[in-house]
Amino acid sequence: MVVNLRQLAEMLGLSQTTVSRALNGYPEVNAETRERVLQAVRDTGYRPNRAAQRLATGRAASIGLVMTVAPDIDADVHFSAFLTGLGEAAVRHDFHFVINPSAPEEEETTFRRLAASGNVDALFIASVRRDDPRIEMLRSLPIPYLVHGRAIGQGEDYPFLDIDNEGAFHAATQLLIALGHRRIALINGQEHLTFAMRRKAGMLAALKEAGLETQDVLIAHDFMTDEYGFRATTAFLADARPPTAILCSSTVMALGVVRALNRAGLKVGDDVSLIAHDDVLPLLKPEHFNVPLTTTQSSLRAAGARVAERLITHVLSPEDALEQEVWQAELIIRDSTKPAPRS
C-alpha cells in the first residue's frame, strides 16, 4: 500500500508536522519518535513529496555533476565504477544524483546554471587537470563542493578526496628495481590529468633515487583502454632497448599489455614483469589473469561512496567541514613480477 504523509501520520498517531520534522532531521524530535517514524517509512515504502520537502527544509536532497559529452569522448568503465559507489551512498540517504550533460566548452556555464537552479545541494568534479579552472569556479558558487583528485600548481586549499598516486607508483617502481629491472616502461592515463602526472613523477623519482636513467624512459599517455595498452606495448617491444618491466595505470590497459606480450611470444613475469593499478573494477579481477597481476590497489567504487557520504553529511550538518583526504594505495604482489631476465 502506498501512503501519503497524512495517512502515515494517522497510522502513527502523530501530527503531520511531527512526522515531517522527524523525516527531515529536526533536532527537537526525540530519538524514539524519529525511529518510530523511520520504521513506519520502511514498512510502508512511503516516499516524501520532493517539492514539499524542499519547501520545508530548503534542501533539494540532490548532489550534482556536470558530465562533458562529445563525439570523441568515449564511455569509461573507471568512471562508471566511481558513479556506482556514489549512487549507492545517495540511495542510502534518500538523496538524488543529478547528472547534467554538457559540451566541453560549456562546462563552466553548465556548472553555474546547475548551482543556480536549486536542483542540487552540492557539486563535485573529477578528472582533475593541472591548474584546473573549475576549482576556482566552484569556489565562487554559493553551494558546497568536493574535488575527486587534486590539481597541480594552484595550492590545495579546497576540499578533496584523492589517492597517493605518486607514492603508489614510487613503491611499484622500487619493487621492480629491487628485482633487478633497469629498463622500466610506463603506460599511463592522459597526459593532462593530474593522477597521471603524479604516477609518472613517482616512477621517475624512484628511478632517480636508484641512480637509473630518467631521460630516455619509455612512457606512453592515452585513454585507459585495452587497445591503447596493446598499442603502447607493441611499440615498446619494437624499441632498440625494450623494457623488462611495464607499469600501467589500469588493469584494463593491462589486458592489452598481456595480449601484446602473448603475440610477441613473451611470458608475463618470466620475460616481462607487469604491475597495474587496480581500481577494483567489478568484472576485472587482477588475480584472475592467467598470470595473476601485481597491483597497486584503491577502489574507485569506495571513492565514489566516500565523496557522496562527505557531501551529504555536510548538506545535512553544515557544521561538519569538508576537509582534505588522501588514501594510500595498497601494493599487492602476485606472480606477474619476477627477477629481471639475464641478458
C-alpha atoms as a PDB file:
ATOM      1  CA  MET A   1       0.000   0.000   0.000  1.00  0.00           C
ATOM      2  CA  VAL A   2       1.337   3.426  -0.983  1.00  0.00           C
ATOM      3  CA  VAL A   3       0.644   6.019   1.712  1.00  0.00           C
ATOM      4  CA  ASN A   4       0.897   9.785   1.831  1.00  0.00           C
ATOM      5  CA  LEU A   5       2.081  11.973   4.685  1.00  0.00           C
ATOM      6  CA  ARG A   6      -1.403  12.370   6.200  1.00  0.00           C
ATOM      7  CA  GLN A   7      -2.011   8.606   6.222  1.00  0.00           C
ATOM      8  CA  LEU A   8       1.431   7.928   7.687  1.00  0.00           C
ATOM      9  CA  ALA A   9       0.789  10.437  10.481  1.00  0.00           C
ATOM     10  CA  GLU A  10      -2.607   8.871  11.254  1.00  0.00           C
ATOM     11  CA  MET A  11      -1.046   5.400  11.427  1.00  0.00           C
ATOM     12  CA  LEU A  12       1.484   6.650  13.986  1.00  0.00           C
ATOM     13  CA  GLY A  13      -0.911   8.823  15.966  1.00  0.00           C
ATOM     14  CA  LEU A  14       1.310  11.848  15.330  1.00  0.00           C
ATOM     15  CA  SER A  15       0.766  15.189  13.639  1.00  0.00           C
ATOM     16  CA  GLN A  16       1.883  15.636  10.045  1.00  0.00           C
ATOM     17  CA  THR A  17       4.275  18.346  11.257  1.00  0.00           C
ATOM     18  CA  THR A  18       5.971  15.969  13.701  1.00  0.00           C
ATOM     19  CA  VAL A  19       6.341  13.252  11.054  1.00  0.00           C
ATOM     20  CA  SER A  20       7.746  15.757   8.561  1.00  0.00           C
ATOM     21  CA  ARG A  21      10.212  17.115  11.101  1.00  0.00           C
ATOM     22  CA  ALA A  22      11.314  13.581  12.044  1.00  0.00           C
ATOM     23  CA  LEU A  23      11.962  12.748   8.399  1.00  0.00           C
ATOM     24  CA  ASN A  24      13.897  15.961   7.834  1.00  0.00           C
ATOM     25  CA  GLY A  25      16.196  15.569  10.822  1.00  0.00           C
ATOM     26  CA  TYR A  26      14.953  18.371  13.046  1.00  0.00           C
ATOM     27  CA  PRO A  27      16.665  18.094  16.470  1.00  0.00           C
ATOM     28  CA  GLU A  28      13.518  18.818  18.513  1.00  0.00           C
ATOM     29  CA  VAL A  29      12.098  15.415  17.548  1.00  0.00           C
ATOM     30  CA  ASN A  30      13.355  12.871  20.081  1.00  0.00           C
ATOM     31  CA  ALA A  31      15.237   9.757  19.002  1.00  0.00           C
ATOM     32  CA  GLU A  32      12.444   7.336  19.937  1.00  0.00           C
ATOM     33  CA  THR A  33       9.856   9.173  17.839  1.00  0.00           C
ATOM     34  CA  ARG A  34      12.238   9.530  14.917  1.00  0.00           C
ATOM     35  CA  GLU A  35      12.923   5.789  14.957  1.00  0.00           C
ATOM     36  CA  ARG A  36       9.171   5.033  15.043  1.00  0.00           C
ATOM     37  CA  VAL A  37       8.670   7.231  12.007  1.00  0.00           C
ATOM     38  CA  LEU A  38      11.606   5.735  10.117  1.00  0.00           C
ATOM     39  CA  GLN A  39      10.420   2.198  10.835  1.00  0.00           C
ATOM     40  CA  ALA A  40       6.955   3.090   9.533  1.00  0.00           C
ATOM     41  CA  VAL A  41       8.561   4.518   6.390  1.00  0.00           C
ATOM     42  CA  ARG A  42      10.441   1.258   5.888  1.00  0.00           C
ATOM     43  CA  ASP A  43       7.302  -0.806   6.474  1.00  0.00           C
ATOM     44  CA  THR A  44       5.054   1.207   4.139  1.00  0.00           C
ATOM     45  CA  GLY A  45       7.515   2.276   1.451  1.00  0.00           C
ATOM     46  CA  TYR A  46       6.492   5.912   1.981  1.00  0.00           C
ATOM     47  CA  ARG A  47       8.342   8.462  -0.139  1.00  0.00           C
ATOM     48  CA  PRO A  48       8.111  12.175   0.685  1.00  0.00           C
ATOM     49  CA  ASN A  49       6.992  14.666  -1.933  1.00  0.00           C
ATOM     50  CA  ARG A  50      10.228  16.245  -3.148  1.00  0.00           C
ATOM     51  CA  ALA A  51       8.735  19.662  -3.817  1.00  0.00           C
ATOM     52  CA  ALA A  52       7.154  19.794  -0.368  1.00  0.00           C
ATOM     53  CA  GLN A  53      10.350  18.548   1.231  1.00  0.00           C
ATOM     54  CA  ARG A  54      12.348  21.297  -0.485  1.00  0.00           C
ATOM     55  CA  LEU A  55       9.937  23.936   0.804  1.00  0.00           C
ATOM     56  CA  ALA A  56      10.161  22.536   4.341  1.00  0.00           C
ATOM     57  CA  THR A  57      13.941  22.146   4.527  1.00  0.00           C
ATOM     58  CA  GLY A  58      15.385  24.450   1.875  1.00  0.00           C
ATOM     59  CA  ARG A  59      17.217  21.387   0.502  1.00  0.00           C
ATOM     60  CA  ALA A  60      16.826  19.550  -2.788  1.00  0.00           C
ATOM     61  CA  ALA A  61      18.299  16.306  -1.371  1.00  0.00           C
ATOM     62  CA  SER A  62      20.428  16.011  -4.502  1.00  0.00           C
ATOM     63  CA  ILE A  63      24.093  16.161  -5.422  1.00  0.00           C
ATOM     64  CA  GLY A  64      25.171  17.086  -8.916  1.00  0.00           C
ATOM     65  CA  LEU A  65      27.797  16.524 -11.564  1.00  0.00           C
ATOM     66  CA  VAL A  66      28.364  18.094 -14.954  1.00  0.00           C
ATOM     67  CA  MET A  67      29.460  15.399 -17.406  1.00  0.00           C
ATOM     68  CA  THR A  68      31.076  16.516 -20.634  1.00  0.00           C
ATOM     69  CA  VAL A  69      29.941  14.688 -23.755  1.00  0.00           C
ATOM     70  CA  ALA A  70      31.270  14.867 -27.302  1.00  0.00           C
ATOM     71  CA  PRO A  71      31.723  12.512 -30.272  1.00  0.00           C
ATOM     72  CA  ASP A  72      35.374  11.908 -29.331  1.00  0.00           C
ATOM     73  CA  ILE A  73      34.670  11.219 -25.626  1.00  0.00           C
ATOM     74  CA  ASP A  74      34.025   7.523 -25.011  1.00  0.00           C
ATOM     75  CA  ALA A  75      32.317   5.839 -22.076  1.00  0.00           C
ATOM     76  CA  ASP A  76      34.779   4.989 -19.300  1.00  0.00           C
ATOM     77  CA  VAL A  77      34.441   1.904 -17.108  1.00  0.00           C
ATOM     78  CA  HIS A  78      36.555   3.571 -14.425  1.00  0.00           C
ATOM     79  CA  PHE A  79      34.141   6.489 -14.097  1.00  0.00           C
ATOM     80  CA  SER A  80      31.204   4.075 -14.125  1.00  0.00           C
ATOM     81  CA  ALA A  81      32.653   2.314 -11.072  1.00  0.00           C
ATOM     82  CA  PHE A  82      33.013   5.664  -9.294  1.00  0.00           C
ATOM     83  CA  LEU A  83      29.416   6.633 -10.104  1.00  0.00           C
ATOM     84  CA  THR A  84      28.160   3.266  -8.844  1.00  0.00           C
ATOM     85  CA  GLY A  85      29.672   3.921  -5.428  1.00  0.00           C
ATOM     86  CA  LEU A  86      28.328   7.443  -5.383  1.00  0.00           C
ATOM     87  CA  GLY A  87      24.863   6.242  -6.332  1.00  0.00           C
ATOM     88  CA  GLU A  88      24.851   3.559  -3.626  1.00  0.00           C
ATOM     89  CA  ALA A  89      25.612   6.148  -0.953  1.00  0.00           C
ATOM     90  CA  ALA A  90      22.965   8.513  -2.337  1.00  0.00           C
ATOM     91  CA  VAL A  91      20.327   5.761  -2.137  1.00  0.00           C
ATOM     92  CA  ARG A  92      21.231   5.030   1.498  1.00  0.00           C
ATOM     93  CA  HIS A  93      20.496   8.654   2.391  1.00  0.00           C
ATOM     94  CA  ASP A  94      17.475   9.011   0.070  1.00  0.00           C
ATOM     95  CA  PHE A  95      19.355  11.595  -1.985  1.00  0.00           C
ATOM     96  CA  HIS A  96      19.098  12.038  -5.708  1.00  0.00           C
ATOM     97  CA  PHE A  97      22.104  12.134  -8.003  1.00  0.00           C
ATOM     98  CA  VAL A  98      21.793  14.622 -10.859  1.00  0.00           C
ATOM     99  CA  ILE A  99      23.999  14.360 -13.959  1.00  0.00           C
ATOM    100  CA  ASN A 100      23.864  17.401 -16.243  1.00  0.00           C
ATOM    101  CA  PRO A 101      25.445  16.700 -19.660  1.00  0.00           C
ATOM    102  CA  SER A 102      27.421  19.496 -21.287  1.00  0.00           C
ATOM    103  CA  ALA A 103      29.604  20.195 -24.289  1.00  0.00           C
ATOM    104  CA  PRO A 104      33.233  20.555 -23.111  1.00  0.00           C
ATOM    105  CA  GLU A 105      33.367  24.264 -23.958  1.00  0.00           C
ATOM    106  CA  GLU A 106      30.164  24.897 -21.954  1.00  0.00           C
ATOM    107  CA  GLU A 107      31.210  23.034 -18.799  1.00  0.00           C
ATOM    108  CA  GLU A 108      31.698  26.063 -16.543  1.00  0.00           C
ATOM    109  CA  THR A 109      28.467  27.688 -17.716  1.00  0.00           C
ATOM    110  CA  THR A 110      26.598  24.438 -17.083  1.00  0.00           C
ATOM    111  CA  PHE A 111      28.019  24.179 -13.554  1.00  0.00           C
ATOM    112  CA  ARG A 112      26.897  27.721 -12.784  1.00  0.00           C
ATOM    113  CA  ARG A 113      23.434  27.067 -14.206  1.00  0.00           C
ATOM    114  CA  LEU A 114      23.089  23.856 -12.207  1.00  0.00           C
ATOM    115  CA  ALA A 115      24.166  25.547  -8.976  1.00  0.00           C
ATOM    116  CA  ALA A 116      21.695  28.404  -9.561  1.00  0.00           C
ATOM    117  CA  SER A 117      18.804  26.075 -10.407  1.00  0.00           C
ATOM    118  CA  GLY A 118      18.181  24.981  -6.835  1.00  0.00           C
ATOM    119  CA  ASN A 119      18.017  21.382  -8.035  1.00  0.00           C
ATOM    120  CA  VAL A 120      21.191  20.310  -6.209  1.00  0.00           C
ATOM    121  CA  ASP A 121      22.627  20.939  -2.748  1.00  0.00           C
ATOM    122  CA  ALA A 122      26.256  20.200  -3.614  1.00  0.00           C
ATOM    123  CA  LEU A 123      28.569  19.567  -6.569  1.00  0.00           C
ATOM    124  CA  PHE A 124      31.694  17.574  -7.289  1.00  0.00           C
ATOM    125  CA  ILE A 125      34.229  17.370 -10.081  1.00  0.00           C
ATOM    126  CA  ALA A 126      36.568  14.606 -11.240  1.00  0.00           C
ATOM    127  CA  SER A 127      39.246  14.138 -13.936  1.00  0.00           C
ATOM    128  CA  VAL A 128      41.292  16.978 -12.457  1.00  0.00           C
ATOM    129  CA  ARG A 129      43.779  18.843 -14.629  1.00  0.00           C
ATOM    130  CA  ARG A 130      46.836  21.000 -13.881  1.00  0.00           C
ATOM    131  CA  ASP A 131      45.733  24.492 -12.809  1.00  0.00           C
ATOM    132  CA  ASP A 132      42.153  23.303 -13.151  1.00  0.00           C
ATOM    133  CA  PRO A 133      39.926  26.388 -13.682  1.00  0.00           C
ATOM    134  CA  ARG A 134      36.880  24.501 -12.401  1.00  0.00           C
ATOM    135  CA  ILE A 135      38.204  24.677  -8.831  1.00  0.00           C
ATOM    136  CA  GLU A 136      38.220  28.484  -8.806  1.00  0.00           C
ATOM    137  CA  MET A 137      34.794  28.408 -10.400  1.00  0.00           C
ATOM    138  CA  LEU A 138      33.444  26.102  -7.665  1.00  0.00           C
ATOM    139  CA  ARG A 139      34.862  28.410  -5.006  1.00  0.00           C
ATOM    140  CA  SER A 140      32.755  31.225  -6.437  1.00  0.00           C
ATOM    141  CA  LEU A 141      29.477  29.282  -6.191  1.00  0.00           C
ATOM    142  CA  PRO A 142      27.170  29.506  -3.149  1.00  0.00           C
ATOM    143  CA  ILE A 143      26.902  25.731  -2.552  1.00  0.00           C
ATOM    144  CA  PRO A 144      29.309  23.095  -1.145  1.00  0.00           C
ATOM    145  CA  TYR A 145      31.611  21.160  -3.441  1.00  0.00           C
ATOM    146  CA  LEU A 146      34.220  18.416  -3.353  1.00  0.00           C
ATOM    147  CA  VAL A 147      37.026  17.586  -5.771  1.00  0.00           C
ATOM    148  CA  HIS A 148      37.850  13.969  -6.589  1.00  0.00           C
ATOM    149  CA  GLY A 149      41.568  14.365  -7.195  1.00  0.00           C
ATOM    150  CA  ARG A 150      43.985  17.266  -6.764  1.00  0.00           C
ATOM    151  CA  ALA A 151      45.192  19.936  -9.138  1.00  0.00           C
ATOM    152  CA  ILE A 152      48.873  20.760  -9.615  1.00  0.00           C
ATOM    153  CA  GLY A 153      50.186  24.299  -9.487  1.00  0.00           C
ATOM    154  CA  GLN A 154      47.377  26.065  -7.633  1.00  0.00           C
ATOM    155  CA  GLY A 155      47.680  25.011  -3.999  1.00  0.00           C
ATOM    156  CA  GLU A 156      45.466  22.573  -2.127  1.00  0.00           C
ATOM    157  CA  ASP A 157      43.229  24.884  -0.097  1.00  0.00           C
ATOM    158  CA  TYR A 158      39.980  23.232  -1.156  1.00  0.00           C
ATOM    159  CA  PRO A 159      38.115  20.065  -0.083  1.00  0.00           C
ATOM    160  CA  PHE A 160      39.189  16.943  -1.950  1.00  0.00           C
ATOM    161  CA  LEU A 161      39.463  13.166  -1.877  1.00  0.00           C
ATOM    162  CA  ASP A 162      42.438  11.639  -3.673  1.00  0.00           C
ATOM    163  CA  ILE A 163      44.788   8.683  -3.534  1.00  0.00           C
ATOM    164  CA  ASP A 164      48.550   8.973  -3.221  1.00  0.00           C
ATOM    165  CA  ASN A 165      49.236   8.264  -6.887  1.00  0.00           C
ATOM    166  CA  GLU A 166      52.842   9.390  -6.673  1.00  0.00           C
ATOM    167  CA  GLY A 167      53.549   7.195  -3.656  1.00  0.00           C
ATOM    168  CA  ALA A 168      51.829   4.199  -5.257  1.00  0.00           C
ATOM    169  CA  PHE A 169      53.915   4.259  -8.432  1.00  0.00           C
ATOM    170  CA  HIS A 170      57.065   5.120  -6.495  1.00  0.00           C
ATOM    171  CA  ALA A 171      56.608   1.940  -4.436  1.00  0.00           C
ATOM    172  CA  ALA A 172      55.784  -0.129  -7.515  1.00  0.00           C
ATOM    173  CA  THR A 173      58.924   1.084  -9.288  1.00  0.00           C
ATOM    174  CA  GLN A 174      61.043   0.374  -6.217  1.00  0.00           C
ATOM    175  CA  LEU A 175      59.763  -3.202  -6.248  1.00  0.00           C
ATOM    176  CA  LEU A 176      60.804  -3.638  -9.875  1.00  0.00           C
ATOM    177  CA  ILE A 177      64.212  -2.096  -9.223  1.00  0.00           C
ATOM    178  CA  ALA A 178      64.733  -4.461  -6.278  1.00  0.00           C
ATOM    179  CA  LEU A 179      64.013  -7.338  -8.665  1.00  0.00           C
ATOM    180  CA  GLY A 180      66.854  -6.163 -10.882  1.00  0.00           C
ATOM    181  CA  HIS A 181      64.870  -4.344 -13.585  1.00  0.00           C
ATOM    182  CA  ARG A 182      66.631  -1.375 -15.135  1.00  0.00           C
ATOM    183  CA  ARG A 183      64.546  -0.742 -18.257  1.00  0.00           C
ATOM    184  CA  ILE A 184      61.053   0.014 -16.960  1.00  0.00           C
ATOM    185  CA  ALA A 185      58.258   1.408 -19.149  1.00  0.00           C
ATOM    186  CA  LEU A 186      55.099   3.272 -18.157  1.00  0.00           C
ATOM    187  CA  ILE A 187      51.712   3.108 -19.891  1.00  0.00           C
ATOM    188  CA  ASN A 188      49.795   5.967 -18.329  1.00  0.00           C
ATOM    189  CA  GLY A 189      46.492   7.824 -18.491  1.00  0.00           C
ATOM    190  CA  GLN A 190      46.016  11.015 -20.476  1.00  0.00           C
ATOM    191  CA  GLU A 191      48.927  13.386 -20.020  1.00  0.00           C
ATOM    192  CA  HIS A 192      46.853  16.414 -18.937  1.00  0.00           C
ATOM    193  CA  LEU A 193      45.236  14.607 -15.987  1.00  0.00           C
ATOM    194  CA  THR A 194      46.932  15.097 -12.637  1.00  0.00           C
ATOM    195  CA  PHE A 195      46.641  11.495 -11.454  1.00  0.00           C
ATOM    196  CA  ALA A 196      48.749  10.523 -14.490  1.00  0.00           C
ATOM    197  CA  MET A 197      51.237  13.317 -13.799  1.00  0.00           C
ATOM    198  CA  ARG A 198      51.688  12.128 -10.235  1.00  0.00           C
ATOM    199  CA  ARG A 199      52.108   8.480 -11.228  1.00  0.00           C
ATOM    200  CA  LYS A 200      54.790   9.460 -13.732  1.00  0.00           C
ATOM    201  CA  ALA A 201      56.503  11.614 -11.090  1.00  0.00           C
ATOM    202  CA  GLY A 202      56.523   8.716  -8.616  1.00  0.00           C
ATOM    203  CA  MET A 203      58.114   6.372 -11.128  1.00  0.00           C
ATOM    204  CA  LEU A 204      60.766   8.873 -12.222  1.00  0.00           C
ATOM    205  CA  ALA A 205      61.626   9.736  -8.607  1.00  0.00           C
ATOM    206  CA  ALA A 206      62.251   6.066  -7.801  1.00  0.00           C
ATOM    207  CA  LEU A 207      64.455   5.667 -10.896  1.00  0.00           C
ATOM    208  CA  LYS A 208      66.447   8.779  -9.982  1.00  0.00           C
ATOM    209  CA  GLU A 209      66.915   7.658  -6.368  1.00  0.00           C
ATOM    210  CA  ALA A 210      68.336   4.377  -7.672  1.00  0.00           C
ATOM    211  CA  GLY A 211      70.755   6.203  -9.977  1.00  0.00           C
ATOM    212  CA  LEU A 212      68.971   4.995 -13.098  1.00  0.00           C
ATOM    213  CA  GLU A 213      68.337   6.836 -16.344  1.00  0.00           C
ATOM    214  CA  THR A 214      65.303   9.132 -16.412  1.00  0.00           C
ATOM    215  CA  GLN A 215      65.785  10.919 -19.757  1.00  0.00           C
ATOM    216  CA  ASP A 216      65.109   8.022 -22.134  1.00  0.00           C
ATOM    217  CA  VAL A 217      62.320   6.248 -20.269  1.00  0.00           C
ATOM    218  CA  LEU A 218      59.611   4.620 -22.377  1.00  0.00           C
ATOM    219  CA  ILE A 219      56.353   6.408 -21.483  1.00  0.00           C
ATOM    220  CA  ALA A 220      53.001   6.425 -23.286  1.00  0.00           C
ATOM    221  CA  HIS A 221      49.931   8.512 -22.410  1.00  0.00           C
ATOM    222  CA  ASP A 222      46.395   7.892 -23.652  1.00  0.00           C
ATOM    223  CA  PHE A 223      42.883   6.727 -22.767  1.00  0.00           C
ATOM    224  CA  MET A 224      42.926   3.816 -20.331  1.00  0.00           C
ATOM    225  CA  THR A 225      41.650   1.073 -22.630  1.00  0.00           C
ATOM    226  CA  ASP A 226      42.712  -2.421 -23.680  1.00  0.00           C
ATOM    227  CA  GLU A 227      43.535  -1.181 -27.189  1.00  0.00           C
ATOM    228  CA  TYR A 228      45.887   1.579 -26.037  1.00  0.00           C
ATOM    229  CA  GLY A 229      47.621  -0.846 -23.707  1.00  0.00           C
ATOM    230  CA  PHE A 230      48.173  -3.177 -26.662  1.00  0.00           C
ATOM    231  CA  ARG A 231      49.451  -0.422 -28.968  1.00  0.00           C
ATOM    232  CA  ALA A 232      51.835   1.063 -26.406  1.00  0.00           C
ATOM    233  CA  THR A 233      53.307  -2.334 -25.509  1.00  0.00           C
ATOM    234  CA  THR A 234      53.769  -3.250 -29.177  1.00  0.00           C
ATOM    235  CA  ALA A 235      55.666  -0.008 -29.715  1.00  0.00           C
ATOM    236  CA  PHE A 236      57.798  -0.548 -26.610  1.00  0.00           C
ATOM    237  CA  LEU A 237      58.770  -4.066 -27.679  1.00  0.00           C
ATOM    238  CA  ALA A 238      59.929  -2.697 -31.043  1.00  0.00           C
ATOM    239  CA  ASP A 239      62.336  -0.282 -29.319  1.00  0.00           C
ATOM    240  CA  ALA A 240      66.070  -0.921 -29.651  1.00  0.00           C
ATOM    241  CA  ARG A 241      66.092  -1.371 -25.863  1.00  0.00           C
ATOM    242  CA  PRO A 242      62.768  -2.989 -24.982  1.00  0.00           C
ATOM    243  CA  PRO A 243      61.648  -2.964 -21.350  1.00  0.00           C
ATOM    244  CA  THR A 244      61.953  -5.882 -18.979  1.00  0.00           C
ATOM    245  CA  ALA A 245      59.119  -4.458 -16.865  1.00  0.00           C
ATOM    246  CA  ILE A 246      55.993  -2.398 -17.517  1.00  0.00           C
ATOM    247  CA  LEU A 247      53.923  -0.264 -15.179  1.00  0.00           C
ATOM    248  CA  CYS A 248      50.421   0.602 -16.344  1.00  0.00           C
ATOM    249  CA  SER A 249      47.735   2.821 -14.905  1.00  0.00           C
ATOM    250  CA  SER A 250      44.832   0.394 -15.182  1.00  0.00           C
ATOM    251  CA  THR A 251      44.020  -3.291 -15.212  1.00  0.00           C
ATOM    252  CA  VAL A 252      42.017  -2.515 -18.378  1.00  0.00           C
ATOM    253  CA  MET A 253      45.245  -1.392 -20.046  1.00  0.00           C
ATOM    254  CA  ALA A 254      46.931  -4.494 -18.652  1.00  0.00           C
ATOM    255  CA  LEU A 255      44.626  -6.649 -20.779  1.00  0.00           C
ATOM    256  CA  GLY A 256      46.180  -5.066 -23.851  1.00  0.00           C
ATOM    257  CA  VAL A 257      49.693  -5.387 -22.433  1.00  0.00           C
ATOM    258  CA  VAL A 258      49.204  -9.121 -21.900  1.00  0.00           C
ATOM    259  CA  ARG A 259      47.772  -9.504 -25.401  1.00  0.00           C
ATOM    260  CA  ALA A 260      50.798  -7.760 -26.940  1.00  0.00           C
ATOM    261  CA  LEU A 261      53.250  -9.838 -24.907  1.00  0.00           C
ATOM    262  CA  ASN A 262      51.481 -13.055 -25.907  1.00  0.00           C
ATOM    263  CA  ARG A 263      51.581 -12.052 -29.565  1.00  0.00           C
ATOM    264  CA  ALA A 264      55.325 -11.423 -29.254  1.00  0.00           C
ATOM    265  CA  GLY A 265      55.840 -14.861 -27.693  1.00  0.00           C
ATOM    266  CA  LEU A 266      56.776 -13.402 -24.305  1.00  0.00           C
ATOM    267  CA  LYS A 267      55.593 -14.596 -20.909  1.00  0.00           C
ATOM    268  CA  VAL A 268      54.265 -12.247 -18.255  1.00  0.00           C
ATOM    269  CA  GLY A 269      56.569 -12.360 -15.263  1.00  0.00           C
ATOM    270  CA  ASP A 270      59.230 -14.642 -16.781  1.00  0.00           C
ATOM    271  CA  ASP A 271      60.132 -12.360 -19.697  1.00  0.00           C
ATOM    272  CA  VAL A 272      58.467  -9.051 -18.842  1.00  0.00           C
ATOM    273  CA  SER A 273      57.231  -8.137 -15.366  1.00  0.00           C
ATOM    274  CA  LEU A 274      53.961  -6.233 -15.151  1.00  0.00           C
ATOM    275  CA  ILE A 275      52.354  -4.068 -12.474  1.00  0.00           C
ATOM    276  CA  ALA A 276      48.964  -2.415 -12.980  1.00  0.00           C
ATOM    277  CA  HIS A 277      46.857  -0.070 -10.911  1.00  0.00           C
ATOM    278  CA  ASP A 278      43.719  -1.868  -9.757  1.00  0.00           C
ATOM    279  CA  ASP A 279      40.640   0.355  -9.336  1.00  0.00           C
ATOM    280  CA  VAL A 280      38.728  -2.745  -8.139  1.00  0.00           C
ATOM    281  CA  LEU A 281      36.521  -2.898 -11.220  1.00  0.00           C
ATOM    282  CA  PRO A 282      33.732  -5.458 -10.745  1.00  0.00           C
ATOM    283  CA  LEU A 283      34.346  -7.590 -13.845  1.00  0.00           C
ATOM    284  CA  LEU A 284      38.147  -7.416 -13.981  1.00  0.00           C
ATOM    285  CA  LYS A 285      39.953  -9.104 -11.119  1.00  0.00           C
ATOM    286  CA  PRO A 286      43.775  -8.997 -11.280  1.00  0.00           C
ATOM    287  CA  GLU A 287      44.010 -12.349  -9.502  1.00  0.00           C
ATOM    288  CA  HIS A 288      42.020 -13.932 -12.362  1.00  0.00           C
ATOM    289  CA  PHE A 289      44.520 -13.083 -15.109  1.00  0.00           C
ATOM    290  CA  ASN A 290      46.326 -16.164 -16.460  1.00  0.00           C
ATOM    291  CA  VAL A 291      49.331 -14.852 -14.565  1.00  0.00           C
ATOM    292  CA  PRO A 292      47.880 -13.058 -11.511  1.00  0.00           C
ATOM    293  CA  LEU A 293      48.826  -9.392 -11.611  1.00  0.00           C
ATOM    294  CA  THR A 294      50.848  -7.476  -9.067  1.00  0.00           C
ATOM    295  CA  THR A 295      48.874  -4.295  -8.445  1.00  0.00           C
ATOM    296  CA  THR A 296      48.612  -1.024  -6.625  1.00  0.00           C
ATOM    297  CA  GLN A 297      45.034  -1.103  -5.385  1.00  0.00           C
ATOM    298  CA  SER A 298      42.458   1.512  -4.427  1.00  0.00           C
ATOM    299  CA  SER A 299      38.728   1.158  -5.075  1.00  0.00           C
ATOM    300  CA  LEU A 300      37.022   3.735  -7.283  1.00  0.00           C
ATOM    301  CA  ARG A 301      33.649   2.482  -6.110  1.00  0.00           C
ATOM    302  CA  ALA A 302      34.651   3.132  -2.492  1.00  0.00           C
ATOM    303  CA  ALA A 303      35.907   6.584  -3.506  1.00  0.00           C
ATOM    304  CA  GLY A 304      32.566   7.406  -5.115  1.00  0.00           C
ATOM    305  CA  ALA A 305      30.725   6.324  -1.990  1.00  0.00           C
ATOM    306  CA  ARG A 306      33.047   8.406   0.184  1.00  0.00           C
ATOM    307  CA  VAL A 307      32.568  11.525  -1.945  1.00  0.00           C
ATOM    308  CA  ALA A 308      28.788  11.155  -1.643  1.00  0.00           C
ATOM    309  CA  GLU A 309      28.909  10.471   2.104  1.00  0.00           C
ATOM    310  CA  ARG A 310      31.039  13.548   2.752  1.00  0.00           C
ATOM    311  CA  LEU A 311      28.862  15.842   0.639  1.00  0.00           C
ATOM    312  CA  ILE A 312      25.585  14.530   2.060  1.00  0.00           C
ATOM    313  CA  THR A 313      26.878  14.762   5.635  1.00  0.00           C
ATOM    314  CA  HIS A 314      27.850  18.375   5.023  1.00  0.00           C
ATOM    315  CA  VAL A 315      24.489  19.196   3.431  1.00  0.00           C
ATOM    316  CA  LEU A 316      22.617  17.715   6.403  1.00  0.00           C
ATOM    317  CA  SER A 317      25.053  19.125   9.000  1.00  0.00           C
ATOM    318  CA  PRO A 318      26.840  22.196   7.578  1.00  0.00           C
ATOM    319  CA  GLU A 319      28.961  22.447  10.726  1.00  0.00           C
ATOM    320  CA  ASP A 320      30.777  19.272   9.587  1.00  0.00           C
ATOM    321  CA  ALA A 321      33.522  20.795   7.471  1.00  0.00           C
ATOM    322  CA  LEU A 322      34.505  19.336   4.106  1.00  0.00           C
ATOM    323  CA  GLU A 323      38.171  18.530   4.548  1.00  0.00           C
ATOM    324  CA  GLN A 324      41.062  17.064   2.557  1.00  0.00           C
ATOM    325  CA  GLU A 325      41.598  13.334   2.415  1.00  0.00           C
ATOM    326  CA  VAL A 326      44.348  11.259   0.786  1.00  0.00           C
ATOM    327  CA  TRP A 327      44.119   7.474   0.634  1.00  0.00           C
ATOM    328  CA  GLN A 328      47.128   5.185   0.405  1.00  0.00           C
ATOM    329  CA  ALA A 329      47.045   2.557  -2.331  1.00  0.00           C
ATOM    330  CA  GLU A 330      47.965  -0.996  -1.340  1.00  0.00           C
ATOM    331  CA  LEU A 331      50.793  -2.764  -3.183  1.00  0.00           C
ATOM    332  CA  ILE A 332      49.731  -6.393  -3.675  1.00  0.00           C
ATOM    333  CA  ILE A 333      52.468  -8.693  -5.000  1.00  0.00           C
ATOM    334  CA  ARG A 334      51.406 -11.595  -7.203  1.00  0.00           C
ATOM    335  CA  ASP A 335      53.031 -13.692  -9.944  1.00  0.00           C
ATOM    336  CA  SER A 336      53.461 -11.044 -12.649  1.00  0.00           C
ATOM    337  CA  THR A 337      56.592  -9.573 -11.046  1.00  0.00           C
ATOM    338  CA  LYS A 338      59.766 -11.671 -11.103  1.00  0.00           C
ATOM    339  CA  PRO A 339      63.525 -11.012 -11.203  1.00  0.00           C
ATOM    340  CA  ALA A 340      64.727  -9.368 -14.405  1.00  0.00           C
ATOM    341  CA  PRO A 341      65.812 -11.921 -17.036  1.00  0.00           C
ATOM    342  CA  ARG A 342      69.528 -12.234 -17.505  1.00  0.00           C
ATOM    343  CA  SER A 343      70.885 -10.608 -20.640  1.00  0.00           C
END
